[in-house]
Amino acid sequence: MNVLRFSDLIAQGQVAGRRVFIRADLNVPQDDAGRITEDTRIRASVPCIEMALKAGAAVMVTSHLGRPTEGEFKPADSLAPVAQRLGELLGREVPLRSNWVDGVEVQPGQVVLLENCRVNKGEKKNDEALARKMAALCDIFVHDAFGTAHRAEASTYGIAQFAKVACAGPLLAAEIDAITKALANPRRPLAAIVAGSKVSTKLTILQSLARNVDQLIVGGGIANTFMLAAGLPIGKSLAEPDLLDEARAVMNAMKARGAAVPIPVDVVVAKAFAADAAATVKAATDVAGDDLILDIGPKTAAMLADQLKAAGTIVWNGPVGVFEFEAFSKGTETLARAIAESSAFSIAGGGDTLAAIAKYGIEKDVGYISTGGGAFLEVLEGKTLPAFEILSRRAAG
């Protein structure tokens, strides 16, 4: 994918003295008192800001935070806690500017944070007048918010359309590189793990991957639907019986290409969905009518782990069992450790997946951890993200 990169502009000496507008993703969780409870996204945005400052730019940064009502600013919508944390990380004061759309005062070597962009009227609908005003604030627009790359909004798409120069920041560029490596030019075999409670929410992802991957490993409630489609009993487990034809179509599409959807040979069941429920390992053919399948069994986990260790590329979205409950976490842990040990290039994304990676401490052993939930899923669906489309178009001139 051909996009202009901010690092290229810096290398070419085109940033000094310029007004640089960075769209970051600083949408961090806060407690009731407004204190930031997890600052990964803020820390991830620092390299781009530091690059711009070091290059001598006058730097403006903005982000959305929460879901404010457009045109109605409330104190809870403010980026003030973010400005404070950003200042600590950058080792300098980061002034917060409100009502910034009609003009911002910032000098080369300075950075200002522009108040919550989603409060601006017309932001979500990508209003052209708003986008043009934003574009007029800068010489260079830098998109560095992959978490918003699947949305065409004024601060993510419209500004890229009308700014003098539009480019990808280091975070967005890294996502583009990882996605290209994993899906466009993968080292084979390509294995994908798609897990979650419902086939319906990930059906288009399964259909898209079925055209490309060598192993399509399904987990969670999705696996139950596939087991049912394969003629296996699932007791009272979560499943979608009305999607059996779709599940069979995915299996047939894989089979026609000499690829496979491995169906569990054993499972871990319980009589109730609870952390303290007694866990029993059963053959997949022996699930009783009152059983709930809450994890894959040890034989299935070992079989899948061997496949992952032999893979060339691994795409991971979703834990394969109820890993939050210790008795039903072994399947996800086994696969997580296999991914960590594999020489494959691995890319992982989605909130539950990141929680599993953190739980098993394998962050350094995953090739690339994607920061955008919805955007990552849309890429897996085979969609072209609006941010990628407009930046490619601008790079092509």
Protein backbone atom coordinates (compact mmCIF):
# COMPACT_ATOMS: atom_id res chain seq x y z
CA MET A 1 0.00 0.00 0.00
CA ASN A 2 1.56 3.24 -1.12
CA VAL A 3 1.14 6.08 1.39
CA LEU A 4 3.32 9.05 2.21
CA ARG A 5 5.00 8.57 5.60
CA PHE A 6 5.76 11.29 8.12
CA SER A 7 9.23 9.79 8.60
CA ASP A 8 9.92 10.32 4.87
CA LEU A 9 8.99 14.01 5.11
CA ILE A 10 11.31 14.42 8.09
CA ALA A 11 14.15 12.63 6.27
CA GLN A 12 13.62 15.01 3.33
CA GLY A 13 13.85 18.05 5.64
CA GLN A 14 10.28 19.16 4.85
CA VAL A 15 9.01 19.57 8.42
CA ALA A 16 11.10 22.31 10.11
CA GLY A 17 9.06 25.46 10.71
CA ARG A 18 5.88 23.82 9.36
CA ARG A 19 2.52 23.61 11.14
CA VAL A 20 1.86 19.91 11.76
CA PHE A 21 -1.60 18.63 12.74
CA ILE A 22 -1.51 15.13 14.29
CA ARG A 23 -4.73 13.12 14.67
CA ALA A 24 -3.85 10.78 17.52
CA ASP A 25 -5.96 8.22 19.38
CA LEU A 26 -5.93 9.41 23.00
CA ASN A 27 -9.31 7.87 23.87
CA VAL A 28 -8.29 6.38 27.22
CA PRO A 29 -10.43 4.91 30.01
CA GLN A 30 -11.06 7.06 33.09
CA ASP A 31 -12.58 6.46 36.52
CA ASP A 32 -15.55 8.43 37.92
CA ALA A 33 -13.20 11.14 39.18
CA GLY A 34 -11.77 11.62 35.66
CA ARG A 35 -8.44 9.96 36.44
CA ILE A 36 -6.86 7.95 33.61
CA THR A 37 -6.87 4.24 34.49
CA GLU A 38 -4.83 2.93 31.51
CA ASP A 39 -2.56 5.11 29.36
CA THR A 40 -1.28 2.78 26.61
CA ARG A 41 -2.75 4.91 23.81
CA ILE A 42 -1.19 8.10 25.16
CA ARG A 43 2.23 6.43 25.45
CA ALA A 44 1.83 5.02 21.92
CA SER A 45 1.21 8.53 20.53
CA VAL A 46 4.39 10.05 22.01
CA PRO A 47 6.91 8.94 19.30
CA CYS A 48 5.03 10.78 16.54
CA ILE A 49 4.79 13.98 18.61
CA GLU A 50 8.46 13.77 19.57
CA MET A 51 9.43 13.23 15.90
CA ALA A 52 7.57 16.39 14.92
CA LEU A 53 9.05 18.48 17.75
CA LYS A 54 12.59 17.25 17.09
CA ALA A 55 12.16 18.17 13.43
CA GLY A 56 11.29 21.76 14.43
CA ALA A 57 7.55 21.72 13.66
CA ALA A 58 4.79 23.75 15.30
CA VAL A 59 2.71 20.83 16.58
CA MET A 60 -1.05 20.52 17.10
CA VAL A 61 -2.50 17.24 18.39
CA THR A 62 -6.15 16.28 18.72
CA SER A 63 -8.22 13.21 19.53
CA HIS A 64 -11.73 12.18 20.44
CA LEU A 65 -12.51 11.09 24.00
CA GLY A 66 -15.65 9.16 24.85
CA ARG A 67 -18.92 9.94 23.10
CA PRO A 68 -19.70 13.62 23.57
CA THR A 69 -22.71 15.36 22.03
CA GLU A 70 -21.59 17.50 19.08
CA GLY A 71 -21.80 21.20 19.81
CA GLU A 72 -22.30 20.66 23.57
CA PHE A 73 -19.03 20.65 25.52
CA LYS A 74 -19.19 19.21 29.04
CA PRO A 75 -16.28 19.04 31.56
CA ALA A 76 -16.40 15.21 31.41
CA ASP A 77 -15.56 15.42 27.68
CA SER A 78 -12.35 17.38 28.27
CA LEU A 79 -8.91 16.17 27.24
CA ALA A 80 -7.45 17.98 30.33
CA PRO A 81 -6.34 14.72 32.06
CA VAL A 82 -4.77 13.63 28.74
CA ALA A 83 -2.90 16.96 28.42
CA GLN A 84 -1.48 16.48 31.91
CA ARG A 85 -0.35 12.88 31.24
CA LEU A 86 1.05 13.82 27.82
CA GLY A 87 3.02 16.63 29.49
CA GLU A 88 4.51 14.16 31.99
CA LEU A 89 5.53 11.79 29.18
CA LEU A 90 6.99 14.55 26.99
CA GLY A 91 8.67 16.31 29.90
CA ARG A 92 7.09 19.67 29.01
CA GLU A 93 3.85 21.52 29.53
CA VAL A 94 1.17 20.70 26.95
CA PRO A 95 -1.34 23.58 26.81
CA LEU A 96 -4.94 22.61 26.06
CA ARG A 97 -6.79 24.77 23.51
CA SER A 98 -10.59 25.04 23.25
CA ASN A 99 -12.60 26.51 20.34
CA TRP A 100 -9.66 25.92 18.05
CA VAL A 101 -11.32 25.33 14.67
CA ASP A 102 -11.00 28.97 13.53
CA GLY A 103 -7.33 29.34 14.49
CA VAL A 104 -4.53 28.06 16.72
CA GLU A 105 -1.50 29.96 18.03
CA VAL A 106 1.53 27.65 18.12
CA GLN A 107 5.23 28.26 17.38
CA PRO A 108 7.88 25.90 15.95
CA GLY A 109 9.20 23.69 18.74
CA GLN A 110 5.91 23.98 20.66
CA VAL A 111 3.08 21.46 21.07
CA VAL A 112 -0.55 22.17 21.93
CA LEU A 113 -3.41 19.73 22.49
CA LEU A 114 -6.66 20.68 20.78
CA GLU A 115 -9.78 19.91 22.80
CA ASN A 116 -11.94 16.83 22.05
CA CYS A 117 -12.50 16.92 18.27
CA ARG A 118 -15.78 15.05 18.53
CA VAL A 119 -17.40 18.05 20.21
CA ASN A 120 -17.09 19.96 16.90
CA LYS A 121 -20.36 20.10 14.97
CA GLY A 122 -20.12 18.03 11.81
CA GLU A 123 -17.16 15.86 12.97
CA LYS A 124 -18.86 12.46 12.72
CA LYS A 125 -20.60 13.26 9.42
CA ASN A 126 -17.31 14.43 7.90
CA ASP A 127 -18.73 17.90 7.22
CA GLU A 128 -16.75 19.47 4.36
CA ALA A 129 -16.75 23.02 5.79
CA LEU A 130 -15.36 21.74 9.11
CA ALA A 131 -12.77 19.56 7.36
CA ARG A 132 -11.57 22.51 5.23
CA LYS A 133 -11.20 24.69 8.35
CA MET A 134 -9.10 21.99 10.03
CA ALA A 135 -6.99 21.56 6.91
CA ALA A 136 -6.34 25.32 6.82
CA LEU A 137 -4.73 25.12 10.28
CA CYS A 138 -1.76 23.10 9.04
CA ASP A 139 0.87 22.56 6.36
CA ILE A 140 1.06 18.82 7.07
CA PHE A 141 -1.67 16.49 8.33
CA VAL A 142 -0.45 13.32 10.08
CA HIS A 143 -2.90 10.46 10.64
CA ASP A 144 -1.58 8.41 13.55
CA ALA A 145 -4.81 6.95 14.96
CA PHE A 146 -5.35 3.43 13.62
CA GLY A 147 -8.21 2.93 16.10
CA THR A 148 -10.23 5.47 14.05
CA ALA A 149 -8.97 4.41 10.60
CA HIS A 150 -12.27 2.67 9.80
CA ARG A 151 -14.24 5.90 10.27
CA ALA A 152 -14.55 8.66 7.68
CA GLU A 153 -14.84 11.68 9.96
CA ALA A 154 -13.74 15.30 9.56
CA SER A 155 -10.59 14.89 11.68
CA THR A 156 -9.62 11.54 10.13
CA TYR A 157 -10.73 11.72 6.49
CA GLY A 158 -11.92 15.18 5.46
CA ILE A 159 -8.80 16.93 6.72
CA ALA A 160 -6.64 14.39 4.83
CA GLN A 161 -8.59 15.26 1.70
CA PHE A 162 -8.00 19.01 1.92
CA ALA A 163 -4.67 19.48 3.76
CA LYS A 164 -1.69 20.61 1.65
CA VAL A 165 0.12 17.36 2.59
CA ALA A 166 -1.42 14.24 4.18
CA CYS A 167 0.67 11.37 5.52
CA ALA A 168 0.74 8.39 7.89
CA GLY A 169 2.36 8.69 11.30
CA PRO A 170 4.60 5.93 12.72
CA LEU A 171 1.75 4.06 14.46
CA LEU A 172 -0.48 3.99 11.38
CA ALA A 173 2.48 3.11 9.12
CA ALA A 174 3.38 0.18 11.41
CA GLU A 175 -0.21 -1.11 11.20
CA ILE A 176 -0.15 -0.86 7.40
CA ASP A 177 3.15 -2.78 7.28
CA ALA A 178 1.97 -5.50 9.67
CA ILE A 179 -1.37 -5.97 7.89
CA THR A 180 0.35 -6.14 4.49
CA LYS A 181 2.87 -8.67 5.81
CA ALA A 182 0.16 -10.85 7.39
CA LEU A 183 -2.57 -10.71 4.76
CA ALA A 184 -1.32 -9.34 1.44
CA ASN A 185 2.10 -11.07 1.31
CA PRO A 186 2.00 -13.79 3.99
CA ARG A 187 4.62 -16.42 4.58
CA ARG A 188 2.76 -19.76 4.31
CA PRO A 189 1.16 -21.64 5.91
CA LEU A 190 -1.13 -18.80 7.01
CA ALA A 191 -3.16 -19.66 10.12
CA ALA A 192 -5.97 -17.51 11.48
CA ILE A 193 -7.64 -17.82 14.87
CA VAL A 194 -11.10 -16.26 14.93
CA ALA A 195 -12.95 -16.69 18.18
CA GLY A 196 -15.87 -15.04 19.88
CA SER A 197 -19.35 -15.70 21.10
CA LYS A 198 -21.21 -15.37 17.79
CA VAL A 199 -20.68 -16.43 14.18
CA SER A 200 -23.03 -13.63 13.10
CA THR A 201 -20.67 -10.88 14.31
CA LYS A 202 -17.69 -12.40 12.50
CA LEU A 203 -19.32 -14.16 9.54
CA THR A 204 -17.88 -11.76 6.94
CA ILE A 205 -14.43 -12.13 8.52
CA LEU A 206 -14.69 -15.94 8.35
CA GLN A 207 -15.85 -15.76 4.71
CA SER A 208 -13.04 -13.38 3.77
CA LEU A 209 -10.33 -15.42 5.52
CA ALA A 210 -11.69 -18.69 4.05
CA ARG A 211 -10.50 -17.40 0.64
CA ASN A 212 -6.94 -16.85 1.84
CA VAL A 213 -5.83 -18.83 4.90
CA ASP A 214 -4.50 -22.39 5.16
CA GLN A 215 -5.86 -23.08 8.66
CA LEU A 216 -8.95 -21.32 10.02
CA ILE A 217 -9.08 -22.05 13.75
CA VAL A 218 -12.45 -21.15 15.30
CA GLY A 219 -13.06 -20.82 19.04
CA GLY A 220 -15.62 -19.84 21.65
CA GLY A 221 -19.29 -19.82 20.66
CA ILE A 222 -18.22 -19.72 17.01
CA ALA A 223 -16.58 -23.15 17.40
CA ASN A 224 -19.80 -24.53 18.92
CA THR A 225 -21.74 -23.51 15.81
CA PHE A 226 -19.11 -25.20 13.61
CA MET A 227 -19.22 -28.35 15.77
CA LEU A 228 -23.00 -28.43 15.34
CA ALA A 229 -22.55 -28.00 11.58
CA ALA A 230 -20.15 -30.97 11.64
CA GLY A 231 -22.82 -33.12 13.31
CA LEU A 232 -21.41 -33.06 16.85
CA PRO A 233 -23.48 -32.64 20.05
CA ILE A 234 -22.97 -29.36 21.94
CA GLY A 235 -25.50 -29.71 24.80
CA LYS A 236 -26.79 -26.32 25.92
CA SER A 237 -23.69 -24.45 24.73
CA LEU A 238 -23.93 -21.02 23.14
CA ALA A 239 -24.41 -21.42 19.37
CA GLU A 240 -26.38 -20.09 16.39
CA PRO A 241 -28.29 -23.00 14.80
CA ASP A 242 -29.70 -20.70 12.11
CA LEU A 243 -26.18 -20.16 10.73
CA LEU A 244 -25.25 -23.81 10.17
CA ASP A 245 -25.43 -23.44 6.37
CA GLU A 246 -23.05 -20.48 6.52
CA ALA A 247 -20.65 -22.43 8.75
CA ARG A 248 -20.75 -25.39 6.32
CA ALA A 249 -20.14 -23.03 3.40
CA VAL A 250 -16.98 -21.72 5.11
CA MET A 251 -15.79 -25.30 5.79
CA ASN A 252 -16.50 -26.30 2.17
CA ALA A 253 -14.72 -23.22 0.79
CA MET A 254 -11.65 -24.14 2.82
CA LYS A 255 -11.83 -27.82 1.84
CA ALA A 256 -12.08 -26.93 -1.86
CA ARG A 257 -8.73 -25.14 -1.52
CA GLY A 258 -7.09 -28.04 0.32
CA ALA A 259 -7.27 -26.00 3.54
CA ALA A 260 -9.11 -26.79 6.78
CA VAL A 261 -11.26 -25.63 9.67
CA PRO A 262 -10.01 -27.93 12.48
CA ILE A 263 -13.02 -29.12 14.52
CA PRO A 264 -12.32 -29.83 18.25
CA VAL A 265 -11.81 -33.50 19.13
CA ASP A 266 -12.23 -32.85 22.85
CA VAL A 267 -13.72 -30.04 24.95
CA VAL A 268 -13.92 -28.80 28.54
CA VAL A 269 -17.50 -28.68 29.81
CA ALA A 270 -19.37 -27.54 32.91
CA LYS A 271 -22.97 -27.64 34.10
CA ALA A 272 -23.04 -23.87 34.77
CA PHE A 273 -21.34 -20.72 33.47
CA ALA A 274 -19.37 -19.83 36.60
CA ALA A 275 -15.75 -19.40 37.69
CA ASP A 276 -16.15 -22.11 40.34
CA ALA A 277 -18.05 -24.59 38.13
CA ALA A 278 -16.53 -28.09 38.02
CA ALA A 279 -14.63 -28.57 34.73
CA THR A 280 -14.75 -31.92 32.92
CA VAL A 281 -12.77 -32.92 29.82
CA LYS A 282 -14.87 -34.90 27.33
CA ALA A 283 -14.47 -36.24 23.81
CA ALA A 284 -16.32 -33.97 21.37
CA THR A 285 -18.69 -36.85 20.60
CA ASP A 286 -19.65 -37.29 24.29
CA VAL A 287 -21.10 -33.89 25.20
CA ALA A 288 -24.26 -34.37 27.29
CA GLY A 289 -27.55 -32.52 26.82
CA ASP A 290 -27.01 -30.36 29.92
CA ASP A 291 -23.31 -29.59 29.26
CA LEU A 292 -21.89 -26.14 28.46
CA ILE A 293 -18.69 -26.15 26.36
CA LEU A 294 -16.42 -23.48 27.88
CA ASP A 295 -13.01 -24.37 26.38
CA ILE A 296 -11.24 -26.64 23.91
CA GLY A 297 -9.80 -29.83 25.40
CA PRO A 298 -6.09 -30.69 25.86
CA LYS A 299 -5.88 -32.94 22.76
CA THR A 300 -7.41 -30.23 20.55
CA ALA A 301 -5.18 -27.56 22.12
CA ALA A 302 -2.05 -29.69 21.51
CA MET A 303 -3.09 -30.40 17.89
CA LEU A 304 -3.72 -26.70 17.19
CA ALA A 305 -0.50 -25.67 18.98
CA ASP A 306 1.49 -27.95 16.64
CA GLN A 307 -0.16 -26.29 13.63
CA LEU A 308 0.64 -22.80 14.97
CA LYS A 309 4.28 -23.72 15.65
CA ALA A 310 4.58 -24.88 12.01
CA ALA A 311 2.86 -21.78 10.57
CA GLY A 312 4.59 -19.05 8.59
CA THR A 313 2.07 -16.35 9.52
CA ILE A 314 -0.54 -16.20 12.30
CA VAL A 315 -3.49 -13.82 12.60
CA TRP A 316 -5.14 -13.92 16.04
CA ASN A 317 -8.50 -12.45 16.99
CA GLY A 318 -10.19 -13.83 20.09
CA PRO A 319 -9.54 -16.31 22.95
CA VAL A 320 -10.75 -19.87 22.32
CA GLY A 321 -12.38 -20.39 25.73
CA VAL A 322 -13.64 -18.51 28.77
CA PHE A 323 -10.04 -17.66 29.71
CA GLU A 324 -11.14 -15.31 32.52
CA PHE A 325 -12.18 -18.44 34.48
CA GLU A 326 -9.03 -20.37 35.46
CA ALA A 327 -10.57 -23.83 34.88
CA PHE A 328 -11.44 -22.86 31.28
CA SER A 329 -8.28 -20.91 30.39
CA LYS A 330 -5.95 -23.75 29.39
CA GLY A 331 -6.92 -23.79 25.70
CA THR A 332 -6.26 -20.08 25.21
CA GLU A 333 -3.03 -20.31 27.23
CA THR A 334 -1.76 -23.28 25.19
CA LEU A 335 -2.40 -21.46 21.90
CA ALA A 336 -0.95 -18.18 23.24
CA ARG A 337 2.27 -19.96 24.26
CA ALA A 338 2.42 -21.77 20.89
CA ILE A 339 2.15 -18.41 19.11
CA ALA A 340 4.92 -17.05 21.36
CA GLU A 341 7.17 -20.02 20.54
CA SER A 342 6.39 -20.08 16.82
CA SER A 343 8.85 -18.59 14.34
CA ALA A 344 5.82 -17.30 12.39
CA PHE A 345 5.11 -13.61 11.97
CA SER A 346 2.08 -13.04 14.21
CA ILE A 347 -0.40 -10.17 14.31
CA ALA A 348 -3.01 -9.97 17.07
CA GLY A 349 -5.89 -7.59 17.69
CA GLY A 350 -9.13 -7.12 19.63
CA GLY A 351 -9.71 -6.29 23.29
CA ASP A 352 -10.04 -9.85 24.63
CA THR A 353 -7.00 -10.96 22.64
CA LEU A 354 -4.90 -8.16 24.11
CA ALA A 355 -6.14 -9.11 27.59
CA ALA A 356 -5.03 -12.73 26.97
CA ILE A 357 -1.63 -11.57 25.69
CA ALA A 358 -1.18 -9.47 28.84
CA LYS A 359 -2.38 -12.31 31.12
CA TYR A 360 0.23 -14.72 29.74
CA GLY A 361 2.99 -12.11 29.44
CA ILE A 362 3.78 -12.79 25.77
CA GLU A 363 3.73 -9.18 24.46
CA LYS A 364 7.37 -9.37 23.32
CA ASP A 365 6.78 -12.68 21.50
CA VAL A 366 3.92 -11.48 19.27
CA GLY A 367 5.13 -9.97 15.99
CA TYR A 368 2.66 -7.09 16.02
CA ILE A 369 -0.12 -6.14 18.43
CA SER A 370 -2.78 -4.06 16.70
CA THR A 371 -4.13 -1.08 18.65
CA GLY A 372 -7.45 -0.74 16.84
CA GLY A 373 -10.34 -3.09 17.64
CA GLY A 374 -12.97 -2.17 15.03
CA ALA A 375 -10.39 -1.16 12.44
CA PHE A 376 -8.52 -4.46 12.84
CA LEU A 377 -11.76 -6.44 12.38
CA GLU A 378 -12.65 -4.50 9.22
CA VAL A 379 -9.22 -5.26 7.76
CA LEU A 380 -9.83 -8.97 8.44
CA GLU A 381 -13.16 -8.61 6.64
CA GLY A 382 -11.23 -7.57 3.56
CA LYS A 383 -12.47 -3.97 3.68
CA THR A 384 -10.33 -1.02 2.62
CA LEU A 385 -10.26 1.37 5.56
CA PRO A 386 -11.18 5.01 4.76
CA ALA A 387 -7.87 6.25 6.23
CA PHE A 388 -5.84 3.93 3.99
CA GLU A 389 -7.93 4.84 0.95
CA ILE A 390 -7.55 8.64 1.29
CA LEU A 391 -3.85 8.51 2.21
CA SER A 392 -3.16 6.22 -0.80
CA ARG A 393 -5.10 8.59 -3.04
CA ARG A 394 -3.17 11.61 -1.75
CA ALA A 395 0.17 9.78 -2.19
CA ALA A 396 -0.75 9.01 -5.79
CA GLY A 397 -1.27 12.75 -6.35
